[in-house]
Amino acid sequence: MKKPDVLTALAALAQENRLDVFRLLVQAGPDGMAAGQVAQKLDLAPNTLTFHFDRLRDAGLVTVRRDGDAAVLALTEKFDAVRPAKLQANSSDVLVYIAQALGGGSAAKVMALALALSVIASTGVSIVILARMLYGMASHRVLPAILGNVNTRFATPAVASIVIGVILIVVTWVYLLASSISNAFTALIVAGVKR
Protein backbone atom coordinates (compact mmCIF):
# COMPACT_ATOMS: atom_id res chain seq x y z
CA MET A 1 0.00 0.00 0.00
CA LYS A 2 1.21 3.46 -0.80
CA LYS A 3 1.44 6.14 1.88
CA PRO A 4 -1.74 8.06 0.82
CA ASP A 5 -3.71 4.77 0.80
CA VAL A 6 -2.49 3.94 4.30
CA LEU A 7 -3.42 7.40 5.58
CA THR A 8 -6.89 7.15 4.03
CA ALA A 9 -7.42 3.69 5.53
CA LEU A 10 -6.29 4.83 8.99
CA ALA A 11 -8.52 7.89 8.79
CA ALA A 12 -11.49 5.69 7.90
CA LEU A 13 -10.79 3.38 10.85
CA ALA A 14 -10.40 6.28 13.29
CA GLN A 15 -14.08 6.14 14.22
CA GLU A 16 -15.57 3.66 16.69
CA ASN A 17 -18.45 2.31 14.56
CA ARG A 18 -16.29 1.91 11.45
CA LEU A 19 -13.61 0.12 13.47
CA ASP A 20 -16.27 -2.21 14.88
CA VAL A 21 -17.54 -2.98 11.37
CA PHE A 22 -13.99 -3.69 10.18
CA ARG A 23 -13.28 -6.00 13.15
CA LEU A 24 -16.54 -7.87 12.60
CA LEU A 25 -15.69 -8.41 8.92
CA VAL A 26 -12.20 -9.67 9.85
CA GLN A 27 -13.88 -12.25 12.10
CA ALA A 28 -16.45 -13.12 9.42
CA GLY A 29 -13.73 -14.30 7.07
CA PRO A 30 -13.60 -14.20 3.28
CA ASP A 31 -17.33 -14.93 2.87
CA GLY A 32 -18.21 -11.68 4.60
CA MET A 33 -21.48 -10.97 6.38
CA ALA A 34 -24.89 -9.73 5.33
CA ALA A 35 -25.39 -6.03 6.02
CA GLY A 36 -28.49 -6.80 8.14
CA GLN A 37 -26.46 -9.12 10.36
CA VAL A 38 -23.73 -6.49 10.78
CA ALA A 39 -26.32 -3.86 11.73
CA GLN A 40 -27.96 -6.24 14.20
CA LYS A 41 -24.72 -7.41 15.86
CA LEU A 42 -23.43 -3.86 16.25
CA ASP A 43 -26.84 -2.40 17.11
CA LEU A 44 -26.65 0.15 14.29
CA ALA A 45 -29.52 1.61 12.30
CA PRO A 46 -29.33 0.56 8.60
CA ASN A 47 -28.78 4.15 7.42
CA THR A 48 -25.96 4.59 9.97
CA LEU A 49 -24.32 1.38 8.79
CA THR A 50 -24.62 2.54 5.17
CA PHE A 51 -22.93 5.85 6.04
CA HIS A 52 -20.01 4.14 7.78
CA PHE A 53 -19.74 1.41 5.15
CA ASP A 54 -19.47 4.04 2.41
CA ARG A 55 -16.49 5.61 4.21
CA LEU A 56 -14.80 2.19 4.55
CA ARG A 57 -15.48 1.38 0.88
CA ASP A 58 -14.12 4.76 -0.25
CA ALA A 59 -10.93 3.98 1.69
CA GLY A 60 -10.61 0.65 -0.15
CA LEU A 61 -11.09 -1.46 2.96
CA VAL A 62 -14.37 -3.25 2.22
CA THR A 63 -16.47 -4.40 -0.72
CA VAL A 64 -20.12 -5.24 -1.20
CA ARG A 65 -21.72 -7.94 -3.32
CA ARG A 66 -25.32 -8.97 -3.84
CA ASP A 67 -26.59 -12.33 -2.67
CA GLY A 68 -30.24 -12.33 -3.70
CA ASP A 69 -31.82 -9.42 -1.90
CA ALA A 70 -29.07 -9.16 0.72
CA ALA A 71 -25.99 -6.98 0.49
CA VAL A 72 -22.97 -8.93 1.72
CA LEU A 73 -20.10 -6.90 3.16
CA ALA A 74 -16.53 -8.25 3.10
CA LEU A 75 -12.96 -7.06 3.37
CA THR A 76 -11.10 -6.33 0.15
CA GLU A 77 -8.62 -8.95 -1.04
CA LYS A 78 -5.57 -7.00 0.12
CA PHE A 79 -6.69 -7.56 3.74
CA ASP A 80 -7.22 -11.29 3.28
CA ALA A 81 -3.62 -11.78 4.47
CA VAL A 82 -4.29 -10.27 7.89
CA ARG A 83 -7.05 -12.64 8.92
CA PRO A 84 -6.45 -14.24 12.35
CA ALA A 85 -6.04 -17.78 10.97
CA LYS A 86 -3.36 -16.69 8.50
CA LEU A 87 -1.56 -14.59 11.10
CA GLN A 88 -1.55 -17.54 13.49
CA ALA A 89 -0.23 -19.86 10.78
CA ASN A 90 2.66 -17.42 10.24
CA SER A 91 3.19 -16.50 13.89
CA SER A 92 6.91 -17.21 13.85
CA ASP A 93 7.56 -14.29 11.50
CA VAL A 94 4.33 -12.32 11.52
CA LEU A 95 5.86 -8.89 10.79
CA VAL A 96 7.68 -10.15 7.73
CA TYR A 97 4.54 -12.03 6.63
CA ILE A 98 2.37 -8.90 6.86
CA ALA A 99 4.97 -6.81 5.03
CA GLN A 100 5.21 -9.41 2.28
CA ALA A 101 1.42 -9.75 2.00
CA LEU A 102 0.78 -6.01 1.82
CA GLY A 103 3.91 -4.81 0.04
CA GLY A 104 5.46 -7.76 -1.77
CA GLY A 105 8.85 -9.45 -1.40
CA SER A 106 10.92 -6.28 -1.24
CA ALA A 107 8.78 -4.93 1.63
CA ALA A 108 9.42 -8.13 3.57
CA LYS A 109 13.17 -7.71 3.17
CA VAL A 110 12.98 -4.10 4.31
CA MET A 111 10.86 -5.14 7.32
CA ALA A 112 13.35 -7.87 8.27
CA LEU A 113 16.25 -5.42 7.97
CA ALA A 114 14.38 -2.81 10.02
CA LEU A 115 13.65 -5.39 12.70
CA ALA A 116 17.29 -6.50 12.86
CA LEU A 117 18.55 -2.91 13.05
CA SER A 118 15.99 -2.15 15.75
CA VAL A 119 17.21 -5.06 17.87
CA ILE A 120 20.85 -4.01 17.41
CA ALA A 121 20.07 -0.39 18.30
CA SER A 122 18.03 -1.38 21.36
CA THR A 123 20.82 -3.62 22.60
CA GLY A 124 23.40 -0.87 22.10
CA VAL A 125 21.29 1.66 23.99
CA SER A 126 20.74 -0.83 26.80
CA ILE A 127 24.47 -1.46 27.13
CA VAL A 128 25.24 2.28 27.27
CA ILE A 129 22.50 3.05 29.82
CA LEU A 130 23.37 0.14 32.09
CA ALA A 131 27.11 0.85 31.84
CA ARG A 132 26.48 4.47 32.86
CA MET A 133 24.44 3.24 35.82
CA LEU A 134 27.28 0.96 36.90
CA TYR A 135 29.73 3.85 36.46
CA GLY A 136 27.60 6.08 38.70
CA MET A 137 27.29 3.41 41.36
CA ALA A 138 31.03 2.65 41.21
CA SER A 139 31.96 6.32 41.49
CA HIS A 140 29.90 6.49 44.71
CA ARG A 141 31.63 3.33 46.03
CA VAL A 142 28.49 1.18 45.91
CA LEU A 143 30.14 -1.17 43.39
CA PRO A 144 33.84 -1.99 42.87
CA ALA A 145 35.87 1.05 41.76
CA ILE A 146 37.12 -0.68 38.60
CA LEU A 147 33.62 -0.27 37.09
CA GLY A 148 34.03 3.49 37.46
CA ASN A 149 37.19 3.71 35.34
CA VAL A 150 36.68 5.83 32.23
CA ASN A 151 38.66 5.03 29.10
CA THR A 152 40.49 8.22 28.06
CA ARG A 153 40.42 7.38 24.36
CA PHE A 154 36.67 6.65 24.13
CA ALA A 155 35.52 8.73 27.15
CA THR A 156 33.26 5.92 28.29
CA PRO A 157 33.24 3.48 31.20
CA ALA A 158 34.85 0.65 29.21
CA VAL A 159 34.99 -1.99 31.97
CA ALA A 160 31.34 -1.40 32.88
CA SER A 161 30.37 -1.61 29.19
CA ILE A 162 32.21 -4.91 28.78
CA VAL A 163 30.64 -6.32 31.95
CA ILE A 164 27.13 -5.37 30.79
CA GLY A 165 27.80 -6.76 27.30
CA VAL A 166 28.95 -10.08 28.75
CA ILE A 167 25.94 -10.22 31.09
CA LEU A 168 23.56 -9.59 28.15
CA ILE A 169 25.24 -12.32 26.10
CA VAL A 170 25.02 -14.80 29.00
CA VAL A 171 21.37 -13.94 29.72
CA THR A 172 20.48 -14.29 26.02
CA TRP A 173 22.32 -17.62 25.82
CA VAL A 174 20.54 -18.93 28.93
CA TYR A 175 17.17 -17.76 27.58
CA LEU A 176 17.74 -19.43 24.20
CA LEU A 177 18.94 -22.63 25.85
CA ALA A 178 15.98 -22.64 28.26
CA SER A 179 13.45 -22.02 25.47
CA SER A 180 15.05 -24.77 23.36
CA ILE A 181 14.77 -27.21 26.26
CA SER A 182 11.21 -26.07 26.89
CA ASN A 183 10.32 -26.60 23.22
CA ALA A 184 11.89 -30.07 23.32
CA PHE A 185 9.85 -31.04 26.39
CA THR A 186 6.69 -29.64 24.79
CA ALA A 187 7.35 -31.68 21.65
CA LEU A 188 7.86 -34.82 23.76
CA ILE A 189 4.63 -34.19 25.67
CA VAL A 190 2.64 -33.57 22.49
CA ALA A 191 4.12 -36.70 20.89
CA GLY A 192 3.23 -38.71 24.02
CA VAL A 193 -0.34 -37.42 24.03
CA LYS A 194 -0.86 -38.31 20.36
CA ARG A 195 0.08 -41.95 21.02
C-alpha atoms as a PDB file:
ATOM      1  CA  MET A   1       0.000   0.000   0.000  1.00  0.00           C
ATOM      2  CA  LYS A   2       1.214   3.464  -0.800  1.00  0.00           C
ATOM      3  CA  LYS A   3       1.436   6.142   1.883  1.00  0.00           C
ATOM      4  CA  PRO A   4      -1.744   8.060   0.815  1.00  0.00           C
ATOM      5  CA  ASP A   5      -3.710   4.774   0.802  1.00  0.00           C
ATOM      6  CA  VAL A   6      -2.489   3.935   4.304  1.00  0.00           C
ATOM      7  CA  LEU A   7      -3.415   7.397   5.582  1.00  0.00           C
ATOM      8  CA  THR A   8      -6.889   7.147   4.028  1.00  0.00           C
ATOM      9  CA  ALA A   9      -7.424   3.694   5.532  1.00  0.00           C
ATOM     10  CA  LEU A  10      -6.291   4.826   8.987  1.00  0.00           C
ATOM     11  CA  ALA A  11      -8.518   7.887   8.795  1.00  0.00           C
ATOM     12  CA  ALA A  12     -11.491   5.693   7.901  1.00  0.00           C
ATOM     13  CA  LEU A  13     -10.793   3.376  10.851  1.00  0.00           C
ATOM     14  CA  ALA A  14     -10.399   6.277  13.291  1.00  0.00           C
ATOM     15  CA  GLN A  15     -14.081   6.137  14.220  1.00  0.00           C
ATOM     16  CA  GLU A  16     -15.568   3.659  16.685  1.00  0.00           C
ATOM     17  CA  ASN A  17     -18.448   2.310  14.558  1.00  0.00           C
ATOM     18  CA  ARG A  18     -16.286   1.905  11.453  1.00  0.00           C
ATOM     19  CA  LEU A  19     -13.608   0.124  13.465  1.00  0.00           C
ATOM     20  CA  ASP A  20     -16.270  -2.210  14.884  1.00  0.00           C
ATOM     21  CA  VAL A  21     -17.545  -2.982  11.366  1.00  0.00           C
ATOM     22  CA  PHE A  22     -13.992  -3.685  10.177  1.00  0.00           C
ATOM     23  CA  ARG A  23     -13.284  -6.005  13.147  1.00  0.00           C
ATOM     24  CA  LEU A  24     -16.537  -7.875  12.600  1.00  0.00           C
ATOM     25  CA  LEU A  25     -15.692  -8.405   8.921  1.00  0.00           C
ATOM     26  CA  VAL A  26     -12.201  -9.667   9.853  1.00  0.00           C
ATOM     27  CA  GLN A  27     -13.877 -12.249  12.103  1.00  0.00           C
ATOM     28  CA  ALA A  28     -16.449 -13.125   9.424  1.00  0.00           C
ATOM     29  CA  GLY A  29     -13.728 -14.302   7.065  1.00  0.00           C
ATOM     30  CA  PRO A  30     -13.596 -14.197   3.281  1.00  0.00           C
ATOM     31  CA  ASP A  31     -17.327 -14.933   2.875  1.00  0.00           C
ATOM     32  CA  GLY A  32     -18.208 -11.682   4.603  1.00  0.00           C
ATOM     33  CA  MET A  33     -21.481 -10.974   6.378  1.00  0.00           C
ATOM     34  CA  ALA A  34     -24.894  -9.728   5.326  1.00  0.00           C
ATOM     35  CA  ALA A  35     -25.393  -6.026   6.019  1.00  0.00           C
ATOM     36  CA  GLY A  36     -28.489  -6.797   8.135  1.00  0.00           C
ATOM     37  CA  GLN A  37     -26.463  -9.117  10.363  1.00  0.00           C
ATOM     38  CA  VAL A  38     -23.734  -6.492  10.775  1.00  0.00           C
ATOM     39  CA  ALA A  39     -26.321  -3.860  11.726  1.00  0.00           C
ATOM     40  CA  GLN A  40     -27.965  -6.245  14.202  1.00  0.00           C
ATOM     41  CA  LYS A  41     -24.720  -7.410  15.857  1.00  0.00           C
ATOM     42  CA  LEU A  42     -23.432  -3.859  16.253  1.00  0.00           C
ATOM     43  CA  ASP A  43     -26.845  -2.395  17.110  1.00  0.00           C
ATOM     44  CA  LEU A  44     -26.653   0.152  14.290  1.00  0.00           C
ATOM     45  CA  ALA A  45     -29.518   1.609  12.298  1.00  0.00           C
ATOM     46  CA  PRO A  46     -29.332   0.561   8.604  1.00  0.00           C
ATOM     47  CA  ASN A  47     -28.781   4.152   7.419  1.00  0.00           C
ATOM     48  CA  THR A  48     -25.961   4.591   9.974  1.00  0.00           C
ATOM     49  CA  LEU A  49     -24.322   1.376   8.789  1.00  0.00           C
ATOM     50  CA  THR A  50     -24.616   2.545   5.171  1.00  0.00           C
ATOM     51  CA  PHE A  51     -22.933   5.852   6.045  1.00  0.00           C
ATOM     52  CA  HIS A  52     -20.015   4.136   7.779  1.00  0.00           C
ATOM     53  CA  PHE A  53     -19.743   1.405   5.150  1.00  0.00           C
ATOM     54  CA  ASP A  54     -19.465   4.044   2.408  1.00  0.00           C
ATOM     55  CA  ARG A  55     -16.487   5.605   4.206  1.00  0.00           C
ATOM     56  CA  LEU A  56     -14.803   2.190   4.548  1.00  0.00           C
ATOM     57  CA  ARG A  57     -15.476   1.375   0.882  1.00  0.00           C
ATOM     58  CA  ASP A  58     -14.120   4.763  -0.254  1.00  0.00           C
ATOM     59  CA  ALA A  59     -10.932   3.984   1.695  1.00  0.00           C
ATOM     60  CA  GLY A  60     -10.610   0.654  -0.146  1.00  0.00           C
ATOM     61  CA  LEU A  61     -11.095  -1.456   2.964  1.00  0.00           C
ATOM     62  CA  VAL A  62     -14.368  -3.250   2.222  1.00  0.00           C
ATOM     63  CA  THR A  63     -16.472  -4.397  -0.722  1.00  0.00           C
ATOM     64  CA  VAL A  64     -20.125  -5.242  -1.199  1.00  0.00           C
ATOM     65  CA  ARG A  65     -21.721  -7.943  -3.322  1.00  0.00           C
ATOM     66  CA  ARG A  66     -25.324  -8.969  -3.836  1.00  0.00           C
ATOM     67  CA  ASP A  67     -26.593 -12.333  -2.667  1.00  0.00           C
ATOM     68  CA  GLY A  68     -30.237 -12.333  -3.701  1.00  0.00           C
ATOM     69  CA  ASP A  69     -31.819  -9.418  -1.898  1.00  0.00           C
ATOM     70  CA  ALA A  70     -29.065  -9.161   0.720  1.00  0.00           C
ATOM     71  CA  ALA A  71     -25.994  -6.983   0.493  1.00  0.00           C
ATOM     72  CA  VAL A  72     -22.970  -8.934   1.722  1.00  0.00           C
ATOM     73  CA  LEU A  73     -20.103  -6.900   3.163  1.00  0.00           C
ATOM     74  CA  ALA A  74     -16.530  -8.255   3.102  1.00  0.00           C
ATOM     75  CA  LEU A  75     -12.958  -7.063   3.370  1.00  0.00           C
ATOM     76  CA  THR A  76     -11.095  -6.333   0.155  1.00  0.00           C
ATOM     77  CA  GLU A  77      -8.619  -8.955  -1.044  1.00  0.00           C
ATOM     78  CA  LYS A  78      -5.573  -7.001   0.124  1.00  0.00           C
ATOM     79  CA  PHE A  79      -6.692  -7.555   3.737  1.00  0.00           C
ATOM     80  CA  ASP A  80      -7.218 -11.291   3.285  1.00  0.00           C
ATOM     81  CA  ALA A  81      -3.617 -11.784   4.467  1.00  0.00           C
ATOM     82  CA  VAL A  82      -4.291 -10.267   7.893  1.00  0.00           C
ATOM     83  CA  ARG A  83      -7.047 -12.641   8.924  1.00  0.00           C
ATOM     84  CA  PRO A  84      -6.450 -14.243  12.352  1.00  0.00           C
ATOM     85  CA  ALA A  85      -6.036 -17.785  10.974  1.00  0.00           C
ATOM     86  CA  LYS A  86      -3.358 -16.685   8.499  1.00  0.00           C
ATOM     87  CA  LEU A  87      -1.562 -14.592  11.100  1.00  0.00           C
ATOM     88  CA  GLN A  88      -1.545 -17.535  13.492  1.00  0.00           C
ATOM     89  CA  ALA A  89      -0.228 -19.858  10.778  1.00  0.00           C
ATOM     90  CA  ASN A  90       2.663 -17.421  10.236  1.00  0.00           C
ATOM     91  CA  SER A  91       3.185 -16.500  13.888  1.00  0.00           C
ATOM     92  CA  SER A  92       6.915 -17.211  13.850  1.00  0.00           C
ATOM     93  CA  ASP A  93       7.561 -14.285  11.496  1.00  0.00           C
ATOM     94  CA  VAL A  94       4.328 -12.316  11.517  1.00  0.00           C
ATOM     95  CA  LEU A  95       5.861  -8.895  10.794  1.00  0.00           C
ATOM     96  CA  VAL A  96       7.684 -10.150   7.728  1.00  0.00           C
ATOM     97  CA  TYR A  97       4.542 -12.031   6.625  1.00  0.00           C
ATOM     98  CA  ILE A  98       2.365  -8.895   6.861  1.00  0.00           C
ATOM     99  CA  ALA A  99       4.971  -6.811   5.034  1.00  0.00           C
ATOM    100  CA  GLN A 100       5.207  -9.408   2.279  1.00  0.00           C
ATOM    101  CA  ALA A 101       1.422  -9.746   2.000  1.00  0.00           C
ATOM    102  CA  LEU A 102       0.780  -6.010   1.820  1.00  0.00           C
ATOM    103  CA  GLY A 103       3.907  -4.809   0.036  1.00  0.00           C
ATOM    104  CA  GLY A 104       5.456  -7.761  -1.768  1.00  0.00           C
ATOM    105  CA  GLY A 105       8.850  -9.450  -1.397  1.00  0.00           C
ATOM    106  CA  SER A 106      10.916  -6.279  -1.236  1.00  0.00           C
ATOM    107  CA  ALA A 107       8.784  -4.928   1.634  1.00  0.00           C
ATOM    108  CA  ALA A 108       9.416  -8.134   3.571  1.00  0.00           C
ATOM    109  CA  LYS A 109      13.170  -7.709   3.165  1.00  0.00           C
ATOM    110  CA  VAL A 110      12.984  -4.098   4.308  1.00  0.00           C
ATOM    111  CA  MET A 111      10.863  -5.143   7.320  1.00  0.00           C
ATOM    112  CA  ALA A 112      13.353  -7.871   8.269  1.00  0.00           C
ATOM    113  CA  LEU A 113      16.253  -5.417   7.968  1.00  0.00           C
ATOM    114  CA  ALA A 114      14.380  -2.806  10.021  1.00  0.00           C
ATOM    115  CA  LEU A 115      13.646  -5.392  12.705  1.00  0.00           C
ATOM    116  CA  ALA A 116      17.292  -6.500  12.859  1.00  0.00           C
ATOM    117  CA  LEU A 117      18.548  -2.906  13.049  1.00  0.00           C
ATOM    118  CA  SER A 118      15.993  -2.149  15.747  1.00  0.00           C
ATOM    119  CA  VAL A 119      17.214  -5.058  17.874  1.00  0.00           C
ATOM    120  CA  ILE A 120      20.846  -4.013  17.407  1.00  0.00           C
ATOM    121  CA  ALA A 121      20.071  -0.385  18.302  1.00  0.00           C
ATOM    122  CA  SER A 122      18.026  -1.381  21.362  1.00  0.00           C
ATOM    123  CA  THR A 123      20.824  -3.623  22.599  1.00  0.00           C
ATOM    124  CA  GLY A 124      23.401  -0.868  22.097  1.00  0.00           C
ATOM    125  CA  VAL A 125      21.291   1.658  23.986  1.00  0.00           C
ATOM    126  CA  SER A 126      20.740  -0.830  26.801  1.00  0.00           C
ATOM    127  CA  ILE A 127      24.467  -1.457  27.130  1.00  0.00           C
ATOM    128  CA  VAL A 128      25.240   2.281  27.268  1.00  0.00           C
ATOM    129  CA  ILE A 129      22.503   3.048  29.815  1.00  0.00           C
ATOM    130  CA  LEU A 130      23.371   0.144  32.094  1.00  0.00           C
ATOM    131  CA  ALA A 131      27.108   0.852  31.841  1.00  0.00           C
ATOM    132  CA  ARG A 132      26.484   4.470  32.864  1.00  0.00           C
ATOM    133  CA  MET A 133      24.436   3.242  35.820  1.00  0.00           C
ATOM    134  CA  LEU A 134      27.283   0.956  36.899  1.00  0.00           C
ATOM    135  CA  TYR A 135      29.731   3.845  36.463  1.00  0.00           C
ATOM    136  CA  GLY A 136      27.600   6.084  38.696  1.00  0.00           C
ATOM    137  CA  MET A 137      27.291   3.413  41.356  1.00  0.00           C
ATOM    138  CA  ALA A 138      31.032   2.655  41.212  1.00  0.00           C
ATOM    139  CA  SER A 139      31.958   6.323  41.490  1.00  0.00           C
ATOM    140  CA  HIS A 140      29.896   6.485  44.710  1.00  0.00           C
ATOM    141  CA  ARG A 141      31.628   3.333  46.027  1.00  0.00           C
ATOM    142  CA  VAL A 142      28.486   1.177  45.913  1.00  0.00           C
ATOM    143  CA  LEU A 143      30.144  -1.170  43.392  1.00  0.00           C
ATOM    144  CA  PRO A 144      33.843  -1.995  42.865  1.00  0.00           C
ATOM    145  CA  ALA A 145      35.867   1.053  41.762  1.00  0.00           C
ATOM    146  CA  ILE A 146      37.122  -0.680  38.605  1.00  0.00           C
ATOM    147  CA  LEU A 147      33.624  -0.275  37.094  1.00  0.00           C
ATOM    148  CA  GLY A 148      34.031   3.490  37.457  1.00  0.00           C
ATOM    149  CA  ASN A 149      37.195   3.705  35.339  1.00  0.00           C
ATOM    150  CA  VAL A 150      36.681   5.833  32.230  1.00  0.00           C
ATOM    151  CA  ASN A 151      38.656   5.035  29.095  1.00  0.00           C
ATOM    152  CA  THR A 152      40.486   8.224  28.064  1.00  0.00           C
ATOM    153  CA  ARG A 153      40.424   7.381  24.361  1.00  0.00           C
ATOM    154  CA  PHE A 154      36.674   6.655  24.134  1.00  0.00           C
ATOM    155  CA  ALA A 155      35.524   8.727  27.152  1.00  0.00           C
ATOM    156  CA  THR A 156      33.265   5.922  28.289  1.00  0.00           C
ATOM    157  CA  PRO A 157      33.236   3.475  31.198  1.00  0.00           C
ATOM    158  CA  ALA A 158      34.853   0.650  29.215  1.00  0.00           C
ATOM    159  CA  VAL A 159      34.990  -1.987  31.966  1.00  0.00           C
ATOM    160  CA  ALA A 160      31.340  -1.404  32.880  1.00  0.00           C
ATOM    161  CA  SER A 161      30.369  -1.611  29.188  1.00  0.00           C
ATOM    162  CA  ILE A 162      32.213  -4.914  28.775  1.00  0.00           C
ATOM    163  CA  VAL A 163      30.642  -6.323  31.951  1.00  0.00           C
ATOM    164  CA  ILE A 164      27.134  -5.368  30.795  1.00  0.00           C
ATOM    165  CA  GLY A 165      27.799  -6.758  27.300  1.00  0.00           C
ATOM    166  CA  VAL A 166      28.950 -10.083  28.751  1.00  0.00           C
ATOM    167  CA  ILE A 167      25.943 -10.215  31.086  1.00  0.00           C
ATOM    168  CA  LEU A 168      23.561  -9.593  28.152  1.00  0.00           C
ATOM    169  CA  ILE A 169      25.240 -12.324  26.100  1.00  0.00           C
ATOM    170  CA  VAL A 170      25.018 -14.805  28.997  1.00  0.00           C
ATOM    171  CA  VAL A 171      21.366 -13.937  29.719  1.00  0.00           C
ATOM    172  CA  THR A 172      20.483 -14.290  26.022  1.00  0.00           C
ATOM    173  CA  TRP A 173      22.317 -17.616  25.824  1.00  0.00           C
ATOM    174  CA  VAL A 174      20.544 -18.927  28.928  1.00  0.00           C
ATOM    175  CA  TYR A 175      17.174 -17.764  27.580  1.00  0.00           C
ATOM    176  CA  LEU A 176      17.736 -19.433  24.200  1.00  0.00           C
ATOM    177  CA  LEU A 177      18.944 -22.628  25.854  1.00  0.00           C
ATOM    178  CA  ALA A 178      15.976 -22.641  28.258  1.00  0.00           C
ATOM    179  CA  SER A 179      13.453 -22.017  25.475  1.00  0.00           C
ATOM    180  CA  SER A 180      15.047 -24.771  23.356  1.00  0.00           C
ATOM    181  CA  ILE A 181      14.773 -27.208  26.257  1.00  0.00           C
ATOM    182  CA  SER A 182      11.209 -26.067  26.888  1.00  0.00           C
ATOM    183  CA  ASN A 183      10.317 -26.600  23.224  1.00  0.00           C
ATOM    184  CA  ALA A 184      11.890 -30.069  23.318  1.00  0.00           C
ATOM    185  CA  PHE A 185       9.849 -31.035  26.391  1.00  0.00           C
ATOM    186  CA  THR A 186       6.691 -29.641  24.794  1.00  0.00           C
ATOM    187  CA  ALA A 187       7.354 -31.681  21.650  1.00  0.00           C
ATOM    188  CA  LEU A 188       7.856 -34.821  23.763  1.00  0.00           C
ATOM    189  CA  ILE A 189       4.635 -34.191  25.669  1.00  0.00           C
ATOM    190  CA  VAL A 190       2.640 -33.567  22.492  1.00  0.00           C
ATOM    191  CA  ALA A 191       4.120 -36.696  20.891  1.00  0.00           C
ATOM    192  CA  GLY A 192       3.229 -38.709  24.018  1.00  0.00           C
ATOM    193  CA  VAL A 193      -0.343 -37.416  24.029  1.00  0.00           C
ATOM    194  CA  LYS A 194      -0.855 -38.315  20.355  1.00  0.00           C
ATOM    195  CA  ARG A 195       0.085 -41.949  21.020  1.00  0.00           C
END
